[in-house]
Amino acid sequence: MAVLLSGREKFGAYYGGALARWTYEVYRHLTNEVDVTVFGFPTPDSDLYPLPHHTSYSWRLCSVAARIPLIRRYEDHLWLRSLWGRLRHIEIVHIHNRPQWARILRQLGYKGAIIVHLQNDHLGHWSPLMLDALAPCLSALVVCSAYLRHTFAPKSKLLAAKTHVIFNGVNTDLFHLREDLREPKTIFFVGRFDPEKGVLQLVKAYARVLSEHPQTKLIIGGTTGFGTHRRTPYVRQVEELARSISQNNGAQIQFTGYIHHDRDLPACFQRATVFACPSLFQEPFGLVNAEAMACGTVVVGSERGGIPEVLGDTGYLLNPEDIEAFAHALSEVLKEVERRHQLGQAARERALSMFDWRVIAGRWMDLIRDVRK
């Protein structure tokens, strides 16, 4: 089996992202059943996940082509052709987030099974004719939430019939309950530091929380990109607001920058009284919510995208642009200790039963068996 990472994502914990982690976590549980090789851009050995990884020297040419407007459209063809000598002998190809690659592989002459796996809305803008044309190229299409399925399925019965929902997962051995670490007044956020994640709205809500809970800390983790951080105008706007709140109210706002996913992030969730996820866009899944839940941490989240599917009835779902309502929910979690414990336990149980990587790997193996029939 071949796994094709999308774009320039590296296959490691630091420079890679959610797709690389999904690939590692699922296939490491299936090594006795699946012979898998991951195909992607070069990754430093010190960062590389411990699964077979293959790249092509044409990555340099692809990187150049991506910067030239008239040639950019051929970058995907160039990359897949450079891998064709290996891919042509593979029984199943698993493509992350690049549905157009399925058609290119068929044009190259690939005869095996193709599974396209979407973590983002790559098909919502496709026309019904385009979706119908994609369906025969695929053995299966997998999406990470029912929300994501609904962005395209009503437009194509052919593609809808091949679409399966398989959630993202959590390493519950790392992300687990530690009530001895729990702090009484800490709001935590981690995510990409840009407008669609709602960091500015969270800081505004936090300012309102302080009137009822003046000792509350706000910890904001994350950077503007994988392994990099730029002080964009948006970052400066958030920092200036935080500085103003701190000067006027004596607030405690900490910007941590990048948080190592496996080494440091679990303890951040375990210490937090409440996790805030004020995403302004239609988040396809929202993995950080499931990770917080696995740590028994109550989530106050956005009612958008796939987040309601993750939380169920174990957290709070609100319009993130309603600052007053979001602040009220955060204050309620901080105040209602017994309610917080009940929701945290329910969240932990939901994470174990639905999002543990072993559960996800089992569902993925069932799909592999189906496409081989």
Protein backbone atom coordinates (compact mmCIF):
# COMPACT_ATOMS: atom_id res chain seq x y z
CA MET A 1 0.00 0.00 0.00
CA ALA A 2 1.20 3.53 -0.85
CA VAL A 3 0.23 6.67 1.06
CA LEU A 4 0.64 9.95 -0.83
CA LEU A 5 0.98 12.98 1.41
CA SER A 6 -0.38 16.15 -0.14
CA GLY A 7 1.61 19.20 -1.13
CA ARG A 8 4.94 19.61 0.62
CA GLU A 9 4.02 18.10 3.95
CA LYS A 10 6.94 16.38 5.59
CA PHE A 11 6.47 13.01 7.30
CA GLY A 12 7.45 14.04 10.81
CA ALA A 13 6.02 15.41 14.04
CA TYR A 14 7.64 18.86 13.87
CA TYR A 15 7.44 20.04 10.26
CA GLY A 16 4.58 17.74 9.32
CA GLY A 17 0.95 18.35 10.16
CA ALA A 18 -2.29 16.51 10.81
CA LEU A 19 -2.08 14.35 7.65
CA ALA A 20 1.38 13.06 8.53
CA ARG A 21 0.24 12.31 12.08
CA TRP A 22 -2.91 10.54 10.87
CA THR A 23 -0.81 8.39 8.55
CA TYR A 24 1.66 7.42 11.25
CA GLU A 25 -0.88 6.76 13.99
CA VAL A 26 -3.18 4.60 11.86
CA TYR A 27 -0.62 2.57 9.94
CA ARG A 28 1.60 1.88 12.94
CA HIS A 29 -1.36 -0.09 14.33
CA LEU A 30 -1.66 -2.02 11.04
CA THR A 31 1.95 -3.02 10.38
CA ASN A 32 1.11 -6.72 10.82
CA GLU A 33 -1.67 -6.48 8.21
CA VAL A 34 -0.53 -3.85 5.69
CA ASP A 35 2.82 -3.36 3.94
CA VAL A 36 2.81 0.43 3.67
CA THR A 37 5.20 3.00 2.21
CA VAL A 38 4.64 6.73 2.63
CA PHE A 39 5.54 8.92 -0.35
CA GLY A 40 6.30 12.58 0.25
CA PHE A 41 8.82 15.39 0.31
CA PRO A 42 12.20 14.86 2.05
CA THR A 43 12.06 14.81 5.85
CA PRO A 44 15.09 15.01 8.18
CA ASP A 45 15.95 11.62 9.68
CA SER A 46 15.78 13.12 13.16
CA ASP A 47 12.14 14.09 12.58
CA LEU A 48 10.95 11.19 10.42
CA TYR A 49 8.15 9.01 11.73
CA PRO A 50 9.28 5.35 11.99
CA LEU A 51 7.49 4.02 8.90
CA PRO A 52 8.97 3.35 5.43
CA HIS A 53 9.24 6.66 3.57
CA HIS A 54 10.14 7.31 -0.06
CA THR A 55 10.72 10.53 -1.94
CA SER A 56 11.88 11.62 -5.38
CA TYR A 57 14.69 13.94 -6.34
CA SER A 58 12.21 15.76 -8.58
CA TRP A 59 10.90 17.58 -5.50
CA ARG A 60 13.32 20.40 -6.31
CA LEU A 61 11.92 20.70 -9.82
CA CYS A 62 8.38 20.61 -8.41
CA SER A 63 9.22 23.40 -6.00
CA VAL A 64 10.51 25.55 -8.87
CA ALA A 65 7.49 24.73 -11.06
CA ALA A 66 5.12 25.78 -8.27
CA ARG A 67 6.49 29.33 -8.47
CA ILE A 68 6.00 29.75 -12.23
CA PRO A 69 2.40 30.70 -13.12
CA LEU A 70 2.10 28.97 -16.51
CA ILE A 71 3.90 25.81 -15.39
CA ARG A 72 2.32 25.53 -11.94
CA ARG A 73 -0.63 23.52 -13.27
CA TYR A 74 1.71 20.70 -14.28
CA GLU A 75 3.35 20.31 -10.89
CA ASP A 76 1.05 17.45 -9.82
CA HIS A 77 1.70 15.54 -13.06
CA LEU A 78 5.44 15.99 -12.64
CA TRP A 79 5.40 14.75 -9.04
CA LEU A 80 3.28 11.68 -9.74
CA ARG A 81 5.26 10.76 -12.85
CA SER A 82 8.45 10.86 -10.77
CA LEU A 83 6.88 8.29 -8.40
CA TRP A 84 5.28 6.17 -11.12
CA GLY A 85 8.02 3.54 -11.23
CA ARG A 86 7.17 2.60 -7.63
CA LEU A 87 3.44 3.29 -7.63
CA ARG A 88 2.59 1.17 -10.68
CA HIS A 89 3.29 -2.02 -8.70
CA ILE A 90 1.33 -1.02 -5.58
CA GLU A 91 -1.99 -2.74 -4.88
CA ILE A 92 -3.73 0.20 -3.15
CA VAL A 93 -2.93 3.92 -3.27
CA HIS A 94 -4.17 6.13 -0.43
CA ILE A 95 -4.20 9.82 -1.46
CA HIS A 96 -4.46 12.57 1.17
CA ASN A 97 -6.35 15.76 0.26
CA ARG A 98 -5.63 15.71 -3.47
CA PRO A 99 -8.69 14.26 -5.28
CA GLN A 100 -7.34 15.40 -8.67
CA TRP A 101 -4.42 12.99 -8.28
CA ALA A 102 -6.77 10.02 -8.73
CA ARG A 103 -7.52 11.00 -12.32
CA ILE A 104 -3.83 11.59 -13.08
CA LEU A 105 -2.93 8.13 -11.80
CA ARG A 106 -5.64 6.56 -13.94
CA GLN A 107 -4.30 8.49 -16.96
CA LEU A 108 -0.85 7.12 -16.23
CA GLY A 109 -2.34 3.62 -16.34
CA TYR A 110 -2.72 2.73 -12.66
CA LYS A 111 -5.04 -0.31 -12.32
CA GLY A 112 -5.14 -0.83 -8.56
CA ALA A 113 -7.53 0.51 -5.92
CA ILE A 114 -7.50 4.22 -5.09
CA ILE A 115 -8.74 5.68 -1.81
CA VAL A 116 -8.94 9.46 -1.61
CA HIS A 117 -8.99 10.77 1.95
CA LEU A 118 -10.18 14.34 2.61
CA GLN A 119 -9.52 16.36 5.75
CA ASN A 120 -10.55 19.66 4.15
CA ASP A 121 -13.20 20.97 1.79
CA HIS A 122 -11.56 20.22 -1.55
CA LEU A 123 -14.74 19.21 -3.41
CA GLY A 124 -17.35 21.71 -2.25
CA HIS A 125 -16.68 23.99 -5.24
CA TRP A 126 -16.67 21.15 -7.81
CA SER A 127 -19.62 20.97 -10.19
CA PRO A 128 -21.88 17.89 -10.31
CA LEU A 129 -20.30 16.89 -13.64
CA MET A 130 -16.81 17.06 -12.15
CA LEU A 131 -17.87 15.01 -9.13
CA ASP A 132 -19.55 12.40 -11.30
CA ALA A 133 -16.40 12.17 -13.42
CA LEU A 134 -14.24 11.64 -10.31
CA ALA A 135 -16.36 8.77 -8.94
CA PRO A 136 -15.25 6.05 -11.45
CA CYS A 137 -11.59 6.83 -10.67
CA LEU A 138 -12.05 5.89 -7.00
CA SER A 139 -12.55 2.73 -5.03
CA ALA A 140 -13.58 4.81 -2.02
CA LEU A 141 -13.70 8.40 -0.83
CA VAL A 142 -13.17 8.97 2.90
CA VAL A 143 -13.98 12.17 4.79
CA CYS A 144 -13.30 13.06 8.42
CA SER A 145 -16.84 14.25 9.26
CA ALA A 146 -20.42 14.10 8.07
CA TYR A 147 -20.24 17.87 7.69
CA LEU A 148 -17.47 17.47 5.09
CA ARG A 149 -19.47 14.81 3.25
CA HIS A 150 -22.43 17.17 2.99
CA THR A 151 -20.33 19.81 1.18
CA PHE A 152 -20.37 17.72 -2.02
CA ALA A 153 -22.48 14.54 -1.66
CA PRO A 154 -25.88 16.16 -2.48
CA LYS A 155 -24.47 17.13 -5.89
CA SER A 156 -23.37 13.64 -6.95
CA LYS A 157 -25.13 10.38 -6.14
CA LEU A 158 -22.28 8.48 -7.80
CA LEU A 159 -19.66 9.93 -5.48
CA ALA A 160 -21.93 9.88 -2.43
CA ALA A 161 -22.33 6.11 -2.86
CA LYS A 162 -18.55 5.68 -2.51
CA THR A 163 -18.13 8.06 0.44
CA HIS A 164 -17.38 6.92 3.99
CA VAL A 165 -17.01 8.95 7.20
CA ILE A 166 -14.03 7.93 9.32
CA PHE A 167 -13.13 10.32 12.13
CA ASN A 168 -9.68 11.54 13.04
CA GLY A 169 -8.09 10.07 16.13
CA VAL A 170 -6.25 10.68 19.38
CA ASN A 171 -3.37 8.86 21.04
CA THR A 172 -5.14 8.23 24.34
CA ASP A 173 -1.95 6.81 25.84
CA LEU A 174 -0.46 10.31 25.58
CA PHE A 175 -3.63 12.33 26.00
CA HIS A 176 -5.13 11.02 29.23
CA LEU A 177 -6.62 12.17 32.51
CA ARG A 178 -4.33 13.84 35.09
CA GLU A 179 -6.54 15.60 37.63
CA ASP A 180 -3.53 16.11 39.88
CA LEU A 181 -2.27 18.62 37.29
CA ARG A 182 -5.58 20.42 36.81
CA GLU A 183 -5.48 24.15 37.52
CA PRO A 184 -8.61 25.90 38.85
CA LYS A 185 -8.60 28.98 36.60
CA THR A 186 -6.86 28.38 33.27
CA ILE A 187 -8.29 28.82 29.77
CA PHE A 188 -6.22 27.16 27.05
CA PHE A 189 -6.17 27.55 23.28
CA VAL A 190 -3.88 25.92 20.74
CA GLY A 191 -4.09 26.16 16.98
CA ARG A 192 -2.91 28.00 13.92
CA PHE A 193 -2.47 31.67 14.78
CA ASP A 194 -4.64 33.31 12.13
CA PRO A 195 -8.02 35.04 11.88
CA GLU A 196 -10.14 32.03 11.00
CA LYS A 197 -9.20 30.31 14.26
CA GLY A 198 -10.84 33.08 16.30
CA VAL A 199 -7.92 34.00 18.57
CA LEU A 200 -8.93 37.67 18.63
CA GLN A 201 -12.50 36.77 19.63
CA LEU A 202 -11.15 34.56 22.42
CA VAL A 203 -9.04 37.38 23.87
CA LYS A 204 -12.08 39.66 23.81
CA ALA A 205 -14.17 37.00 25.59
CA TYR A 206 -11.40 36.50 28.15
CA ALA A 207 -11.54 40.22 29.01
CA ARG A 208 -15.19 39.72 29.97
CA VAL A 209 -14.44 36.57 31.97
CA LEU A 210 -12.06 38.56 34.18
CA SER A 211 -14.91 40.56 35.72
CA GLU A 212 -16.21 37.36 37.34
CA HIS A 213 -12.96 35.36 37.59
CA PRO A 214 -10.11 37.89 37.96
CA GLN A 215 -7.43 35.26 38.71
CA THR A 216 -7.99 33.38 35.44
CA LYS A 217 -5.03 32.79 33.12
CA LEU A 218 -5.29 32.61 29.32
CA ILE A 219 -2.67 30.50 27.55
CA ILE A 220 -2.49 30.78 23.76
CA GLY A 221 -0.39 28.19 21.95
CA GLY A 222 0.43 27.89 18.28
CA THR A 223 2.21 29.57 15.39
CA THR A 224 1.30 30.96 11.98
CA GLY A 225 2.69 27.89 10.17
CA PHE A 226 4.25 24.45 10.62
CA GLY A 227 7.46 25.00 12.58
CA THR A 228 7.49 28.74 11.78
CA HIS A 229 5.99 31.88 13.24
CA ARG A 230 5.67 35.32 11.68
CA ARG A 231 4.46 38.44 13.46
CA THR A 232 1.74 39.16 10.94
CA PRO A 233 -0.55 42.21 11.28
CA TYR A 234 -3.13 39.87 12.83
CA VAL A 235 -0.65 38.52 15.40
CA ARG A 236 0.33 42.07 16.32
CA GLN A 237 -3.35 43.05 16.67
CA VAL A 238 -3.98 40.18 19.09
CA GLU A 239 -0.81 40.91 21.06
CA GLU A 240 -1.68 44.61 21.35
CA LEU A 241 -5.16 43.78 22.65
CA ALA A 242 -3.68 41.32 25.14
CA ARG A 243 -1.17 43.93 26.30
CA SER A 244 -3.96 46.47 26.80
CA ILE A 245 -6.06 44.01 28.83
CA SER A 246 -3.07 43.07 30.97
CA GLN A 247 -2.22 46.69 31.71
CA ASN A 248 -5.78 47.64 32.61
CA ASN A 249 -6.86 44.49 34.46
CA GLY A 250 -3.69 42.79 35.61
CA ALA A 251 -4.59 39.84 33.37
CA GLN A 252 -2.31 36.86 32.82
CA ILE A 253 -2.03 36.14 29.09
CA GLN A 254 0.76 33.90 27.87
CA PHE A 255 1.74 33.26 24.22
CA THR A 256 3.68 30.01 24.17
CA GLY A 257 4.49 29.77 20.47
CA TYR A 258 4.95 26.28 19.05
CA ILE A 259 4.02 23.45 21.43
CA HIS A 260 5.56 20.05 20.69
CA HIS A 261 2.62 17.77 20.01
CA ASP A 262 3.74 14.58 21.75
CA ARG A 263 6.11 15.93 24.39
CA ASP A 264 4.34 19.05 25.70
CA LEU A 265 0.77 19.33 24.42
CA PRO A 266 -0.84 16.61 26.61
CA ALA A 267 0.23 18.39 29.82
CA CYS A 268 -1.20 21.67 28.50
CA PHE A 269 -4.62 20.05 28.14
CA GLN A 270 -4.28 18.27 31.49
CA ARG A 271 -3.52 21.51 33.31
CA ALA A 272 -6.28 23.51 31.63
CA THR A 273 -9.57 24.11 33.40
CA VAL A 274 -11.28 24.63 30.05
CA PHE A 275 -10.23 24.42 26.42
CA ALA A 276 -11.52 27.11 24.04
CA CYS A 277 -12.03 26.50 20.32
CA PRO A 278 -13.60 29.64 18.81
CA SER A 279 -13.08 28.72 15.13
CA LEU A 280 -14.79 31.22 12.83
CA PHE A 281 -14.67 29.00 9.74
CA GLN A 282 -16.33 25.67 9.04
CA GLU A 283 -13.73 23.49 10.75
CA PRO A 284 -13.91 20.06 9.05
CA PHE A 285 -13.16 18.19 12.28
CA GLY A 286 -11.16 20.03 14.94
CA LEU A 287 -8.69 17.47 16.29
CA VAL A 288 -7.59 19.61 19.24
CA ASN A 289 -11.09 19.25 20.68
CA ALA A 290 -10.85 15.46 20.69
CA GLU A 291 -7.39 15.68 22.29
CA ALA A 292 -8.73 17.96 25.02
CA MET A 293 -11.64 15.56 25.59
CA ALA A 294 -9.25 12.62 25.95
CA CYS A 295 -7.64 14.56 28.82
CA GLY A 296 -11.03 15.05 30.48
CA THR A 297 -10.93 18.77 29.71
CA VAL A 298 -14.22 20.52 29.03
CA VAL A 299 -14.41 22.21 25.62
CA VAL A 300 -16.17 25.48 24.86
CA GLY A 301 -16.27 25.31 21.10
CA SER A 302 -17.66 26.77 17.92
CA GLU A 303 -20.92 25.37 16.56
CA ARG A 304 -19.45 25.31 13.06
CA GLY A 305 -18.33 22.58 10.69
CA GLY A 306 -17.58 19.19 12.19
CA ILE A 307 -16.95 20.41 15.74
CA PRO A 308 -20.48 19.47 16.95
CA GLU A 309 -19.83 15.89 15.75
CA VAL A 310 -16.70 15.76 17.89
CA LEU A 311 -18.15 17.25 21.07
CA GLY A 312 -21.60 15.65 21.03
CA ASP A 313 -23.24 16.64 24.32
CA THR A 314 -19.98 16.68 26.32
CA GLY A 315 -19.18 20.39 25.90
CA TYR A 316 -20.51 23.81 24.99
CA LEU A 317 -21.30 24.81 21.39
CA LEU A 318 -21.74 28.49 20.59
CA ASN A 319 -21.49 31.12 17.90
CA PRO A 320 -17.85 32.25 18.31
CA GLU A 321 -18.72 35.74 17.09
CA ASP A 322 -21.10 36.20 20.02
CA ILE A 323 -18.38 37.35 22.41
CA GLU A 324 -20.75 37.76 25.35
CA ALA A 325 -22.18 34.24 25.04
CA PHE A 326 -18.73 32.70 24.60
CA ALA A 327 -17.48 34.52 27.69
CA HIS A 328 -20.51 33.38 29.68
CA ALA A 329 -19.87 29.74 28.77
CA LEU A 330 -16.21 30.01 29.82
CA SER A 331 -17.23 31.60 33.11
CA GLU A 332 -19.78 28.86 33.76
CA VAL A 333 -17.16 26.13 33.30
CA LEU A 334 -14.78 27.95 35.65
CA LYS A 335 -17.52 28.36 38.28
CA GLU A 336 -19.45 25.06 38.18
CA VAL A 337 -16.90 22.56 39.54
CA GLU A 338 -19.24 19.55 39.73
CA ARG A 339 -20.67 20.20 36.27
CA ARG A 340 -17.13 20.53 34.94
CA HIS A 341 -16.15 17.14 36.36
CA GLN A 342 -19.26 15.48 34.87
CA LEU A 343 -18.65 16.91 31.41
CA GLY A 344 -14.95 16.12 31.57
CA GLN A 345 -15.63 12.47 32.39
CA ALA A 346 -18.21 12.22 29.61
CA ALA A 347 -15.77 13.81 27.18
CA ARG A 348 -13.04 11.34 28.16
CA GLU A 349 -15.38 8.37 27.63
CA ARG A 350 -16.48 9.70 24.24
CA ALA A 351 -12.87 10.16 23.14
CA LEU A 352 -11.96 6.60 24.16
CA SER A 353 -14.92 5.02 22.39
CA MET A 354 -14.89 7.09 19.19
CA PHE A 355 -11.48 8.70 18.61
CA ASP A 356 -8.83 6.37 20.00
CA TRP A 357 -6.39 5.60 17.16
CA ARG A 358 -6.92 1.89 17.67
CA VAL A 359 -10.63 2.38 16.93
CA ILE A 360 -9.84 4.49 13.85
CA ALA A 361 -7.24 1.97 12.61
CA GLY A 362 -9.81 -0.82 12.93
CA ARG A 363 -12.31 1.11 10.83
CA TRP A 364 -9.63 1.89 8.26
CA MET A 365 -8.65 -1.78 8.01
CA ASP A 366 -12.30 -2.69 7.42
CA LEU A 367 -12.32 -0.23 4.52
CA ILE A 368 -9.12 -1.70 3.06
CA ARG A 369 -10.67 -5.17 3.14
CA ASP A 370 -13.77 -3.84 1.37
CA VAL A 371 -11.85 -2.21 -1.50
CA ARG A 372 -9.84 -5.41 -2.03
CA LYS A 373 -12.97 -7.51 -2.62
